N, C-alpha and C. Protein backbone atom coordinates (compact mmCIF):
# COMPACT_ATOMS: atom_id res chain seq x y z
N MET A 1 86.53 109.85 113.03
CA MET A 1 87.62 109.20 112.31
C MET A 1 87.58 107.71 112.66
N LYS A 2 87.84 106.89 111.67
CA LYS A 2 87.80 105.45 111.88
C LYS A 2 88.96 105.04 112.81
N PRO A 3 88.70 104.06 113.69
CA PRO A 3 89.73 103.68 114.66
C PRO A 3 91.02 103.15 114.02
N TRP A 4 90.89 102.38 112.94
CA TRP A 4 92.10 101.82 112.34
C TRP A 4 92.95 102.91 111.70
N LEU A 5 92.29 103.94 111.17
CA LEU A 5 93.03 105.05 110.56
C LEU A 5 93.75 105.86 111.64
N LYS A 6 93.06 106.12 112.73
CA LYS A 6 93.65 106.86 113.83
C LYS A 6 94.85 106.09 114.41
N TYR A 7 94.68 104.79 114.62
CA TYR A 7 95.75 103.95 115.17
C TYR A 7 96.96 103.93 114.22
N SER A 8 96.70 103.82 112.93
CA SER A 8 97.79 103.80 111.95
C SER A 8 98.55 105.13 111.93
N ILE A 9 97.81 106.23 111.99
CA ILE A 9 98.45 107.54 111.99
C ILE A 9 99.30 107.73 113.24
N VAL A 10 98.78 107.32 114.39
CA VAL A 10 99.54 107.45 115.64
C VAL A 10 100.81 106.62 115.58
N ARG A 11 100.70 105.39 115.09
CA ARG A 11 101.89 104.53 115.02
C ARG A 11 102.92 105.06 114.03
N LEU A 12 102.46 105.51 112.87
CA LEU A 12 103.39 106.07 111.88
C LEU A 12 104.02 107.35 112.39
N GLY A 13 103.25 108.17 113.08
CA GLY A 13 103.79 109.39 113.66
C GLY A 13 104.85 109.09 114.70
N LEU A 14 104.59 108.13 115.55
CA LEU A 14 105.57 107.73 116.56
C LEU A 14 106.85 107.22 115.89
N PHE A 15 106.69 106.40 114.87
CA PHE A 15 107.84 105.88 114.13
C PHE A 15 108.65 107.03 113.52
N ALA A 16 107.95 107.99 112.91
CA ALA A 16 108.63 109.11 112.26
C ALA A 16 109.38 109.98 113.27
N VAL A 17 108.78 110.20 114.43
CA VAL A 17 109.44 111.02 115.46
C VAL A 17 110.70 110.34 115.95
N VAL A 18 110.61 109.06 116.26
CA VAL A 18 111.79 108.32 116.75
C VAL A 18 112.85 108.25 115.66
N LEU A 19 112.45 107.99 114.42
CA LEU A 19 113.41 107.93 113.32
C LEU A 19 114.09 109.28 113.12
N GLY A 20 113.31 110.35 113.13
CA GLY A 20 113.89 111.68 112.98
C GLY A 20 114.87 112.00 114.09
N LEU A 21 114.52 111.67 115.31
CA LEU A 21 115.41 111.91 116.44
C LEU A 21 116.72 111.13 116.30
N LEU A 22 116.62 109.88 115.90
CA LEU A 22 117.83 109.07 115.75
C LEU A 22 118.70 109.56 114.59
N LEU A 23 118.07 110.02 113.52
CA LEU A 23 118.85 110.54 112.39
C LEU A 23 119.52 111.87 112.74
N VAL A 24 118.85 112.68 113.56
CA VAL A 24 119.47 113.93 114.02
C VAL A 24 120.68 113.62 114.91
N LEU A 25 120.59 112.54 115.66
CA LEU A 25 121.71 112.11 116.51
C LEU A 25 122.78 111.36 115.72
N ARG A 26 122.63 111.32 114.40
CA ARG A 26 123.60 110.75 113.47
C ARG A 26 123.80 109.23 113.62
N PHE A 27 122.72 108.55 113.84
CA PHE A 27 122.76 107.09 113.79
C PHE A 27 122.82 106.66 112.33
N ASP A 28 123.32 105.46 112.10
CA ASP A 28 123.31 104.88 110.76
C ASP A 28 121.84 104.74 110.33
N PRO A 29 121.46 105.15 109.11
CA PRO A 29 120.05 105.11 108.70
C PRO A 29 119.41 103.72 108.82
N PHE A 30 120.16 102.68 108.52
CA PHE A 30 119.62 101.32 108.64
C PHE A 30 119.25 101.02 110.09
N TRP A 31 120.19 101.27 111.00
CA TRP A 31 119.95 100.97 112.41
C TRP A 31 118.92 101.92 113.01
N ALA A 32 118.90 103.15 112.55
CA ALA A 32 117.91 104.10 113.04
C ALA A 32 116.50 103.64 112.66
N THR A 33 116.34 103.16 111.44
CA THR A 33 115.04 102.67 110.99
C THR A 33 114.62 101.44 111.79
N LEU A 34 115.55 100.53 111.99
CA LEU A 34 115.26 99.32 112.74
C LEU A 34 114.89 99.65 114.19
N ILE A 35 115.66 100.51 114.83
CA ILE A 35 115.37 100.89 116.21
C ILE A 35 114.04 101.63 116.30
N ALA A 36 113.76 102.52 115.35
CA ALA A 36 112.50 103.26 115.35
C ALA A 36 111.31 102.31 115.20
N ALA A 37 111.46 101.29 114.38
CA ALA A 37 110.37 100.32 114.20
C ALA A 37 110.12 99.54 115.49
N VAL A 38 111.17 99.10 116.14
CA VAL A 38 111.03 98.34 117.38
C VAL A 38 110.45 99.22 118.49
N VAL A 39 110.97 100.43 118.63
CA VAL A 39 110.47 101.34 119.66
C VAL A 39 109.01 101.69 119.38
N GLY A 40 108.68 101.98 118.13
CA GLY A 40 107.30 102.29 117.77
C GLY A 40 106.36 101.14 118.08
N PHE A 41 106.79 99.93 117.78
CA PHE A 41 105.97 98.76 118.08
C PHE A 41 105.76 98.60 119.58
N CYS A 42 106.84 98.68 120.34
CA CYS A 42 106.76 98.48 121.79
C CYS A 42 105.91 99.56 122.46
N VAL A 43 106.11 100.80 122.11
CA VAL A 43 105.35 101.89 122.73
C VAL A 43 103.87 101.77 122.36
N SER A 44 103.58 101.48 121.10
CA SER A 44 102.18 101.35 120.70
C SER A 44 101.53 100.15 121.36
N TYR A 45 102.27 99.08 121.55
CA TYR A 45 101.73 97.89 122.21
C TYR A 45 101.43 98.16 123.68
N LEU A 46 102.31 98.88 124.34
CA LEU A 46 102.14 99.13 125.77
C LEU A 46 101.15 100.25 126.07
N PHE A 47 101.20 101.33 125.32
CA PHE A 47 100.45 102.52 125.70
C PHE A 47 99.21 102.80 124.86
N PHE A 48 99.05 102.15 123.74
CA PHE A 48 97.89 102.41 122.89
C PHE A 48 96.94 101.22 122.86
N ALA A 49 96.86 100.48 123.94
CA ALA A 49 95.99 99.31 124.01
C ALA A 49 94.51 99.67 123.82
N PRO A 50 94.01 100.76 124.42
CA PRO A 50 92.59 101.09 124.19
C PRO A 50 92.29 101.37 122.71
N LEU A 51 93.19 102.04 122.05
CA LEU A 51 92.99 102.33 120.63
C LEU A 51 93.05 101.05 119.80
N ARG A 52 93.98 100.17 120.16
CA ARG A 52 94.11 98.88 119.46
C ARG A 52 92.86 98.03 119.68
N ARG A 53 92.29 98.10 120.88
CA ARG A 53 91.07 97.36 121.18
C ARG A 53 89.90 97.87 120.32
N LYS A 54 89.83 99.20 120.14
CA LYS A 54 88.77 99.76 119.29
C LYS A 54 88.92 99.29 117.85
N VAL A 55 90.16 99.19 117.38
CA VAL A 55 90.41 98.70 116.02
C VAL A 55 89.93 97.25 115.90
N ALA A 56 90.26 96.44 116.89
CA ALA A 56 89.86 95.03 116.85
C ALA A 56 88.34 94.89 116.87
N LEU A 57 87.67 95.69 117.68
CA LEU A 57 86.21 95.62 117.73
C LEU A 57 85.58 96.10 116.43
N ASP A 58 86.16 97.13 115.82
CA ASP A 58 85.66 97.62 114.54
C ASP A 58 85.81 96.56 113.45
N LEU A 59 86.95 95.90 113.43
CA LEU A 59 87.18 94.84 112.43
C LEU A 59 86.24 93.66 112.67
N ALA A 60 86.02 93.30 113.92
CA ALA A 60 85.11 92.19 114.23
C ALA A 60 83.68 92.55 113.84
N ASP A 61 83.31 93.81 114.06
CA ASP A 61 81.97 94.26 113.69
C ASP A 61 81.78 94.20 112.17
N ARG A 62 82.78 94.65 111.44
CA ARG A 62 82.70 94.59 109.97
C ARG A 62 82.63 93.17 109.47
N ARG A 63 83.38 92.29 110.12
CA ARG A 63 83.42 90.89 109.69
C ARG A 63 82.08 90.19 109.94
N SER A 64 81.38 90.59 110.99
CA SER A 64 80.13 89.91 111.35
C SER A 64 78.94 90.38 110.52
N ARG A 65 79.06 91.53 109.89
CA ARG A 65 77.96 92.03 109.04
C ARG A 65 77.88 91.21 107.76
N PRO A 66 76.65 90.91 107.31
CA PRO A 66 76.53 90.18 106.05
C PRO A 66 76.96 91.06 104.87
N ALA A 67 77.53 90.45 103.88
CA ALA A 67 77.99 91.20 102.71
C ALA A 67 76.80 91.66 101.88
N LYS A 68 76.88 92.88 101.38
CA LYS A 68 75.83 93.40 100.52
C LYS A 68 76.12 92.94 99.09
N LEU A 69 75.14 92.30 98.50
CA LEU A 69 75.31 91.79 97.14
C LEU A 69 74.70 92.76 96.14
N ASP A 70 75.38 92.96 95.03
CA ASP A 70 74.82 93.80 93.98
C ASP A 70 73.90 92.94 93.10
N ASP A 71 73.21 93.57 92.16
CA ASP A 71 72.24 92.86 91.32
C ASP A 71 72.89 91.77 90.47
N ASP A 72 74.11 92.03 89.98
CA ASP A 72 74.80 91.02 89.17
C ASP A 72 75.10 89.77 89.99
N SER A 73 75.55 89.96 91.21
CA SER A 73 75.88 88.81 92.06
C SER A 73 74.64 87.98 92.37
N VAL A 74 73.53 88.65 92.64
CA VAL A 74 72.28 87.94 92.92
C VAL A 74 71.85 87.15 91.69
N ALA A 75 71.92 87.75 90.51
CA ALA A 75 71.54 87.06 89.27
C ALA A 75 72.43 85.84 89.03
N GLU A 76 73.73 85.99 89.26
CA GLU A 76 74.65 84.86 89.07
C GLU A 76 74.34 83.74 90.05
N ASP A 77 74.08 84.09 91.32
CA ASP A 77 73.75 83.07 92.31
C ASP A 77 72.47 82.32 91.94
N GLU A 78 71.46 83.05 91.44
CA GLU A 78 70.21 82.39 91.03
C GLU A 78 70.45 81.47 89.83
N ALA A 79 71.29 81.91 88.88
CA ALA A 79 71.58 81.08 87.71
C ALA A 79 72.31 79.81 88.13
N ILE A 80 73.24 79.93 89.05
CA ILE A 80 73.98 78.75 89.52
C ILE A 80 73.03 77.79 90.25
N ALA A 81 72.13 78.35 91.05
CA ALA A 81 71.17 77.51 91.77
C ALA A 81 70.25 76.78 90.80
N GLU A 82 69.82 77.47 89.75
CA GLU A 82 68.96 76.83 88.75
C GLU A 82 69.71 75.72 88.02
N ASP A 83 70.98 75.97 87.66
CA ASP A 83 71.79 74.94 86.99
C ASP A 83 72.00 73.74 87.89
N ALA A 84 72.22 73.97 89.16
CA ALA A 84 72.43 72.87 90.10
C ALA A 84 71.13 72.06 90.24
N GLY A 85 70.00 72.73 90.25
CA GLY A 85 68.71 72.04 90.33
C GLY A 85 68.46 71.19 89.11
N ASP A 86 68.81 71.68 87.92
CA ASP A 86 68.65 70.91 86.68
C ASP A 86 69.53 69.68 86.70
N GLY A 87 70.73 69.80 87.23
CA GLY A 87 71.65 68.66 87.31
C GLY A 87 71.14 67.59 88.25
N ASP A 88 70.51 68.00 89.36
CA ASP A 88 69.95 67.04 90.30
C ASP A 88 68.80 66.27 89.66
N ARG A 89 67.95 66.99 88.92
CA ARG A 89 66.83 66.33 88.25
C ARG A 89 67.34 65.32 87.22
N ALA A 90 68.39 65.68 86.48
CA ALA A 90 68.93 64.78 85.46
C ALA A 90 69.51 63.53 86.12
N ARG A 91 70.16 63.69 87.26
CA ARG A 91 70.72 62.53 87.95
C ARG A 91 69.61 61.61 88.47
N ARG A 92 68.52 62.21 88.97
CA ARG A 92 67.41 61.40 89.48
C ARG A 92 66.75 60.63 88.36
N ILE A 93 66.58 61.28 87.22
CA ILE A 93 65.94 60.61 86.07
C ILE A 93 66.82 59.48 85.57
N ASP A 94 68.14 59.73 85.47
CA ASP A 94 69.05 58.66 85.01
C ASP A 94 69.09 57.51 86.01
N GLY A 95 69.03 57.82 87.28
CA GLY A 95 69.08 56.78 88.30
C GLY A 95 67.82 55.93 88.33
N GLU A 96 66.69 56.51 87.98
CA GLU A 96 65.42 55.78 88.01
C GLU A 96 65.26 54.89 86.78
N ALA A 97 65.88 55.27 85.67
CA ALA A 97 65.68 54.53 84.44
C ALA A 97 66.48 53.26 84.39
């Protein structure tokens, strides 16, 4: 399972458990939601650091990989490069004349 998915499920599960507990204790739904969000954030920050670190490393690894280009993107890049080359030649010819 991907680390970010696991971390998200754990955090949402923690939020749901705390929210359910507070609603069973008859807290106001607004305050119960707010308290559950804060408690979920604090507990996940303190106790799920290894999982959060795995998520950060996974995101950094994805970010460092070069993007895979499809055939259309490659063709567009080549066309733009050719157009830019033609423009440079035109500027050189105009500048020399």
